[in-house]
Amino acid sequence: MSEIDRSAVLRFYGLSCLGAVVCGVAAGVLAPLGLGMPAALAMMWTPGFAAIIVRRQQGLPLASSLGLRVGRWTWSIAAALGASALIGLMLPVGAVFPGVQWDPTTTGLLARLGLSGELADLARAQLEGLPLHPAALALLAAPLAGLTINAVFALGEELGWRGFLHDELAPLGFWRANLLTGAMWGLWHAPLIVQGHNWPDHPFVGVVVMVVACTVLAPILGFFRERSDSVWAATFFHGTLNAAAAAPVLVLDGSSLLAHPLGAVGIVAMVLVNGVIALIRR
């Protein structure tokens, strides 16, 4: 596309945010009944439905205009492996990060979960009985989930962010388009973040952190989208990232604003990867 269709972008984002608010409110209302998670998962498909609606209004074929093609499939597989590698990079970054403690014994995690005494010892014994450290198991198993069940939900988001917006914002160039997409993506999460999702002790600061994290994460997803010429690469990356996100929590002890895949440790790791992408794209 030679120029940005601002009306289409605004319609898409408005519908996505409206859907996010509806699902976010539903998640809060249904949480006491144990049904908050289905509403939160439904929210992941609001960008996808918004993209489909706007593309229908434009009269464009859905598959080609949303990146639903096989593309260079090796890059799609690489995306799933890359997501695990990104989470893995967060572990050494967190190990040297100020205010974060390296805690492979999971002592800090068990304390945060309210386990102490015999219960903590029992949980620790079960973890030690695993063939590998649970963080390593999470990283190794994540691509399998990212390529299957997690992809079902991640596709809902990626049809919008790396499908619809990838083409609509293309005139801005790689970096500006992806950074803008990331900021929009991060703010879209606000209805859940203000209810304590990810950062229960920092719901409003968490919105800012989420926007920053998504802004620096978006070019990484955009890179795999660009190289694969398919929205599936971003979908597999997204799904795997969600599956592997537990790994830092299992070995890093600190504030959730720091020792979290989307906190300061994760942001630093993503900035480092963006530097590598900048070199590759040159």
Protein backbone atom coordinates (compact mmCIF):
# COMPACT_ATOMS: atom_id res chain seq x y z
CA MET A 1 0.00 0.00 0.00
CA SER A 2 1.36 3.43 -0.91
CA GLU A 3 -0.25 5.40 1.91
CA ILE A 4 -1.88 4.75 5.29
CA ASP A 5 -5.65 4.41 5.36
CA ARG A 6 -6.10 6.27 8.65
CA SER A 7 -9.84 5.65 8.73
CA ALA A 8 -9.32 1.88 8.44
CA VAL A 9 -6.64 1.91 11.15
CA LEU A 10 -8.86 3.91 13.51
CA ARG A 11 -11.84 1.61 12.88
CA PHE A 12 -9.69 -1.44 13.50
CA TYR A 13 -8.19 -0.08 16.71
CA GLY A 14 -11.50 1.24 17.98
CA LEU A 15 -13.18 -2.14 17.50
CA SER A 16 -10.21 -3.93 19.08
CA CYS A 17 -10.26 -1.69 22.16
CA LEU A 18 -14.04 -1.88 22.47
CA GLY A 19 -13.80 -5.66 22.44
CA ALA A 20 -10.98 -5.53 24.98
CA VAL A 21 -13.05 -3.40 27.35
CA VAL A 22 -16.07 -5.70 27.06
CA CYS A 23 -13.96 -8.82 27.65
CA GLY A 24 -11.97 -7.14 30.41
CA VAL A 25 -15.12 -6.14 32.28
CA ALA A 26 -16.53 -9.63 31.77
CA ALA A 27 -13.32 -11.15 33.14
CA GLY A 28 -13.58 -9.02 36.26
CA VAL A 29 -17.25 -9.78 36.81
CA LEU A 30 -16.85 -13.51 36.19
CA ALA A 31 -13.60 -13.92 38.15
CA PRO A 32 -15.38 -14.70 41.47
CA LEU A 33 -17.18 -17.53 39.65
CA GLY A 34 -13.91 -18.92 38.30
CA LEU A 35 -14.80 -17.89 34.76
CA GLY A 36 -12.49 -14.92 34.37
CA MET A 37 -9.91 -16.79 32.28
CA PRO A 38 -12.30 -17.68 29.39
CA ALA A 39 -13.21 -13.99 29.06
CA ALA A 40 -9.51 -13.03 29.07
CA LEU A 41 -8.79 -15.62 26.38
CA ALA A 42 -11.72 -14.34 24.33
CA MET A 43 -10.13 -10.89 24.47
CA MET A 44 -7.17 -12.24 22.49
CA TRP A 45 -9.43 -12.67 19.47
CA THR A 46 -10.82 -9.11 19.48
CA PRO A 47 -8.04 -7.73 17.20
CA GLY A 48 -8.58 -10.64 14.83
CA PHE A 49 -12.31 -10.06 14.57
CA ALA A 50 -11.74 -6.31 14.20
CA ALA A 51 -9.29 -6.93 11.36
CA ILE A 52 -11.73 -9.26 9.60
CA ILE A 53 -14.57 -6.73 9.90
CA VAL A 54 -12.52 -3.85 8.50
CA ARG A 55 -11.07 -5.94 5.69
CA ARG A 56 -14.62 -6.99 4.76
CA GLN A 57 -15.63 -3.32 4.70
CA GLN A 58 -12.69 -2.63 2.40
CA GLY A 59 -13.68 -5.51 0.14
CA LEU A 60 -10.24 -7.12 0.35
CA PRO A 61 -9.58 -10.89 0.39
CA LEU A 62 -9.00 -11.95 3.97
CA ALA A 63 -6.23 -14.50 3.51
CA SER A 64 -3.83 -12.33 1.52
CA SER A 65 -4.64 -9.04 3.29
CA LEU A 66 -4.08 -10.54 6.76
CA GLY A 67 -0.94 -12.52 5.96
CA LEU A 68 -2.62 -15.94 6.13
CA ARG A 69 -0.22 -17.71 3.82
CA VAL A 70 2.39 -20.40 4.34
CA GLY A 71 5.21 -18.10 3.33
CA ARG A 72 8.77 -19.12 4.14
CA TRP A 73 7.82 -21.78 6.66
CA THR A 74 11.35 -22.31 7.99
CA TRP A 75 11.18 -18.79 9.43
CA SER A 76 7.89 -19.67 11.12
CA ILE A 77 9.56 -22.60 12.88
CA ALA A 78 12.52 -20.39 13.71
CA ALA A 79 10.11 -17.92 15.28
CA ALA A 80 8.91 -20.50 17.82
CA LEU A 81 12.50 -21.42 18.69
CA GLY A 82 13.43 -17.74 18.81
CA ALA A 83 10.74 -17.00 21.37
CA SER A 84 12.17 -19.64 23.72
CA ALA A 85 15.65 -18.22 23.09
CA LEU A 86 14.44 -14.72 23.98
CA ILE A 87 13.00 -15.94 27.28
CA GLY A 88 16.21 -17.88 27.86
CA LEU A 89 18.22 -14.67 27.35
CA MET A 90 16.23 -13.07 30.16
CA LEU A 91 17.71 -15.51 32.68
CA PRO A 92 21.35 -14.30 32.51
CA VAL A 93 20.15 -10.71 32.16
CA GLY A 94 18.11 -11.13 35.34
CA ALA A 95 21.01 -12.82 37.14
CA VAL A 96 23.04 -9.58 36.94
CA PHE A 97 20.15 -7.11 37.12
CA PRO A 98 20.11 -4.73 40.13
CA GLY A 99 17.38 -5.63 42.60
CA VAL A 100 16.93 -9.16 41.22
CA GLN A 101 18.30 -12.31 42.86
CA TRP A 102 19.30 -15.50 41.04
CA ASP A 103 17.25 -18.15 42.84
CA PRO A 104 17.33 -21.58 41.12
CA THR A 105 16.13 -23.21 44.37
CA THR A 106 12.75 -21.42 43.89
CA THR A 107 12.82 -20.37 47.56
CA GLY A 108 11.57 -16.90 46.74
CA LEU A 109 8.84 -18.21 44.44
CA LEU A 110 7.55 -20.65 47.07
CA ALA A 111 7.48 -17.83 49.63
CA ARG A 112 5.49 -15.62 47.26
CA LEU A 113 3.05 -18.48 46.79
CA GLY A 114 2.58 -18.62 50.56
CA LEU A 115 4.29 -21.99 50.99
CA SER A 116 6.53 -22.50 54.01
CA GLY A 117 7.77 -25.22 56.30
CA GLU A 118 6.89 -28.77 55.29
CA LEU A 119 4.82 -27.67 52.30
CA ALA A 120 7.75 -25.71 50.88
CA ASP A 121 10.10 -28.64 51.48
CA LEU A 122 7.69 -31.03 49.76
CA ALA A 123 7.30 -28.73 46.75
CA ARG A 124 11.07 -28.28 46.52
CA ALA A 125 11.63 -32.03 46.68
CA GLN A 126 9.17 -32.58 43.84
CA LEU A 127 10.93 -29.97 41.71
CA GLU A 128 14.31 -31.52 42.44
CA GLY A 129 12.95 -34.88 41.30
CA LEU A 130 12.41 -33.60 37.77
CA PRO A 131 14.93 -34.66 35.11
CA LEU A 132 15.76 -30.99 34.42
CA HIS A 133 15.23 -27.75 36.25
CA PRO A 134 11.59 -26.64 35.71
CA ALA A 135 12.80 -23.45 34.00
CA ALA A 136 14.72 -25.53 31.46
CA LEU A 137 11.71 -27.79 30.95
CA ALA A 138 9.52 -24.74 30.36
CA LEU A 139 11.91 -23.42 27.69
CA LEU A 140 12.17 -26.78 25.93
CA ALA A 141 8.43 -27.54 25.98
CA ALA A 142 7.28 -24.02 25.05
CA PRO A 143 7.67 -24.36 21.23
CA LEU A 144 5.39 -27.40 21.24
CA ALA A 145 2.64 -25.36 22.92
CA GLY A 146 3.43 -22.35 20.75
CA LEU A 147 2.97 -24.34 17.58
CA THR A 148 -0.31 -25.93 18.73
CA ILE A 149 -2.80 -24.91 21.42
CA ASN A 150 -1.28 -21.50 22.19
CA ALA A 151 -1.29 -20.66 18.49
CA VAL A 152 -5.10 -20.88 18.46
CA PHE A 153 -5.34 -17.90 20.82
CA ALA A 154 -2.24 -16.03 19.63
CA LEU A 155 -3.59 -16.04 16.05
CA GLY A 156 -6.49 -13.87 17.21
CA GLU A 157 -4.10 -11.11 18.21
CA GLU A 158 -1.64 -11.55 15.37
CA LEU A 159 -4.29 -11.25 12.65
CA GLY A 160 -4.66 -7.71 13.91
CA TRP A 161 -1.21 -6.56 15.01
CA ARG A 162 1.03 -8.39 12.53
CA GLY A 163 -1.65 -9.09 9.95
CA PHE A 164 -3.79 -6.00 9.45
CA LEU A 165 -1.39 -3.36 10.81
CA HIS A 166 1.64 -4.90 9.10
CA ASP A 167 0.24 -3.85 5.73
CA GLU A 168 -1.60 -0.69 6.80
CA LEU A 169 1.42 0.87 8.54
CA ALA A 170 4.01 -0.38 6.03
CA PRO A 171 4.52 3.13 4.53
CA LEU A 172 6.08 4.18 7.85
CA GLY A 173 8.98 1.78 7.39
CA PHE A 174 9.97 -1.19 9.54
CA TRP A 175 10.94 0.53 12.78
CA ARG A 176 8.31 3.24 12.98
CA ALA A 177 5.53 0.86 11.94
CA ASN A 178 6.47 -1.78 14.49
CA LEU A 179 7.09 0.64 17.35
CA LEU A 180 3.70 2.26 16.75
CA THR A 181 2.06 -1.15 16.52
CA GLY A 182 3.72 -2.14 19.78
CA ALA A 183 2.48 0.95 21.62
CA MET A 184 -1.08 0.35 20.37
CA TRP A 185 -0.79 -3.32 21.30
CA GLY A 186 0.43 -2.55 24.81
CA LEU A 187 -2.32 -0.02 25.54
CA TRP A 188 -4.94 -2.49 24.27
CA HIS A 189 -4.06 -4.71 27.27
CA ALA A 190 -5.09 -1.99 29.76
CA PRO A 191 -8.56 -3.42 30.67
CA LEU A 192 -6.87 -6.52 32.08
CA ILE A 193 -3.74 -4.86 33.48
CA VAL A 194 -5.70 -2.42 35.66
CA GLN A 195 -7.40 -5.42 37.22
CA GLY A 196 -4.04 -6.82 38.33
CA HIS A 197 -3.10 -9.05 35.39
CA ASN A 198 0.72 -9.52 35.29
CA TRP A 199 1.34 -6.93 38.03
CA PRO A 200 -1.32 -7.35 40.76
CA ASP A 201 0.50 -4.97 43.11
CA HIS A 202 1.05 -2.30 40.45
CA PRO A 203 -2.08 -2.19 38.24
CA PHE A 204 -1.66 1.35 36.89
CA VAL A 205 2.13 1.42 36.65
CA GLY A 206 1.70 -1.97 35.01
CA VAL A 207 -0.12 -0.35 32.08
CA VAL A 208 2.93 1.84 31.40
CA VAL A 209 5.28 -1.13 31.73
CA MET A 210 3.10 -3.17 29.37
CA VAL A 211 3.15 -0.41 26.75
CA VAL A 212 6.95 -0.15 26.94
CA ALA A 213 7.39 -3.94 26.83
CA CYS A 214 5.08 -4.39 23.84
CA THR A 215 6.75 -1.47 22.05
CA VAL A 216 10.19 -3.11 22.20
CA LEU A 217 8.77 -6.60 21.60
CA ALA A 218 6.87 -5.63 18.45
CA PRO A 219 9.94 -5.22 16.17
CA ILE A 220 11.05 -8.76 17.08
CA LEU A 221 7.67 -10.15 16.05
CA GLY A 222 7.72 -7.84 13.04
CA PHE A 223 11.12 -9.18 12.01
CA PHE A 224 9.85 -12.77 11.86
CA ARG A 225 6.69 -11.56 10.11
CA GLU A 226 8.82 -9.79 7.52
CA ARG A 227 11.25 -12.66 6.95
CA SER A 228 8.56 -15.34 6.75
CA ASP A 229 6.06 -13.25 4.74
CA SER A 230 3.39 -14.84 6.92
CA VAL A 231 1.40 -13.99 10.03
CA TRP A 232 1.98 -17.58 11.21
CA ALA A 233 5.54 -16.79 12.23
CA ALA A 234 4.34 -14.05 14.59
CA THR A 235 1.60 -16.37 15.84
CA PHE A 236 4.04 -19.15 16.70
CA PHE A 237 6.44 -16.68 18.32
CA HIS A 238 3.63 -15.17 20.40
CA GLY A 239 2.27 -18.55 21.44
CA THR A 240 5.69 -19.86 22.43
CA LEU A 241 6.54 -16.69 24.33
CA ASN A 242 3.40 -17.09 26.42
CA ALA A 243 4.24 -20.74 27.10
CA ALA A 244 7.85 -20.02 28.11
CA ALA A 245 7.03 -16.98 30.26
CA ALA A 246 7.12 -19.04 33.47
CA ALA A 247 10.86 -19.72 33.16
CA PRO A 248 12.16 -16.37 34.53
CA VAL A 249 9.66 -16.51 37.39
CA LEU A 250 11.11 -19.89 38.41
CA VAL A 251 14.69 -18.69 38.82
CA LEU A 252 14.55 -14.91 39.35
CA ASP A 253 13.45 -13.40 42.65
CA GLY A 254 12.50 -9.75 42.77
CA SER A 255 9.74 -7.22 42.22
CA SER A 256 7.28 -8.15 39.50
CA LEU A 257 8.16 -4.85 37.81
CA LEU A 258 11.72 -6.16 37.47
CA ALA A 259 11.83 -9.97 37.46
CA HIS A 260 9.09 -10.55 34.94
CA PRO A 261 9.27 -11.45 31.22
CA LEU A 262 7.56 -8.14 30.44
CA GLY A 263 9.21 -6.23 33.28
CA ALA A 264 12.57 -4.45 33.31
CA VAL A 265 14.59 -7.66 32.84
CA GLY A 266 12.52 -8.66 29.82
CA ILE A 267 12.63 -5.17 28.35
CA VAL A 268 16.44 -5.08 28.53
CA ALA A 269 16.68 -8.48 26.85
CA MET A 270 14.31 -7.36 24.09
CA VAL A 271 16.29 -4.16 23.51
CA LEU A 272 19.44 -6.29 23.07
CA VAL A 273 17.66 -8.47 20.50
CA ASN A 274 16.45 -5.35 18.69
CA GLY A 275 20.07 -4.30 18.39
CA VAL A 276 20.88 -7.60 16.68
CA ILE A 277 17.89 -7.17 14.37
CA ALA A 278 19.09 -3.69 13.44
CA LEU A 279 22.47 -5.13 12.45
CA ILE A 280 20.88 -7.97 10.45
CA ARG A 281 18.55 -5.62 8.56
CA ARG A 282 21.47 -3.42 7.54
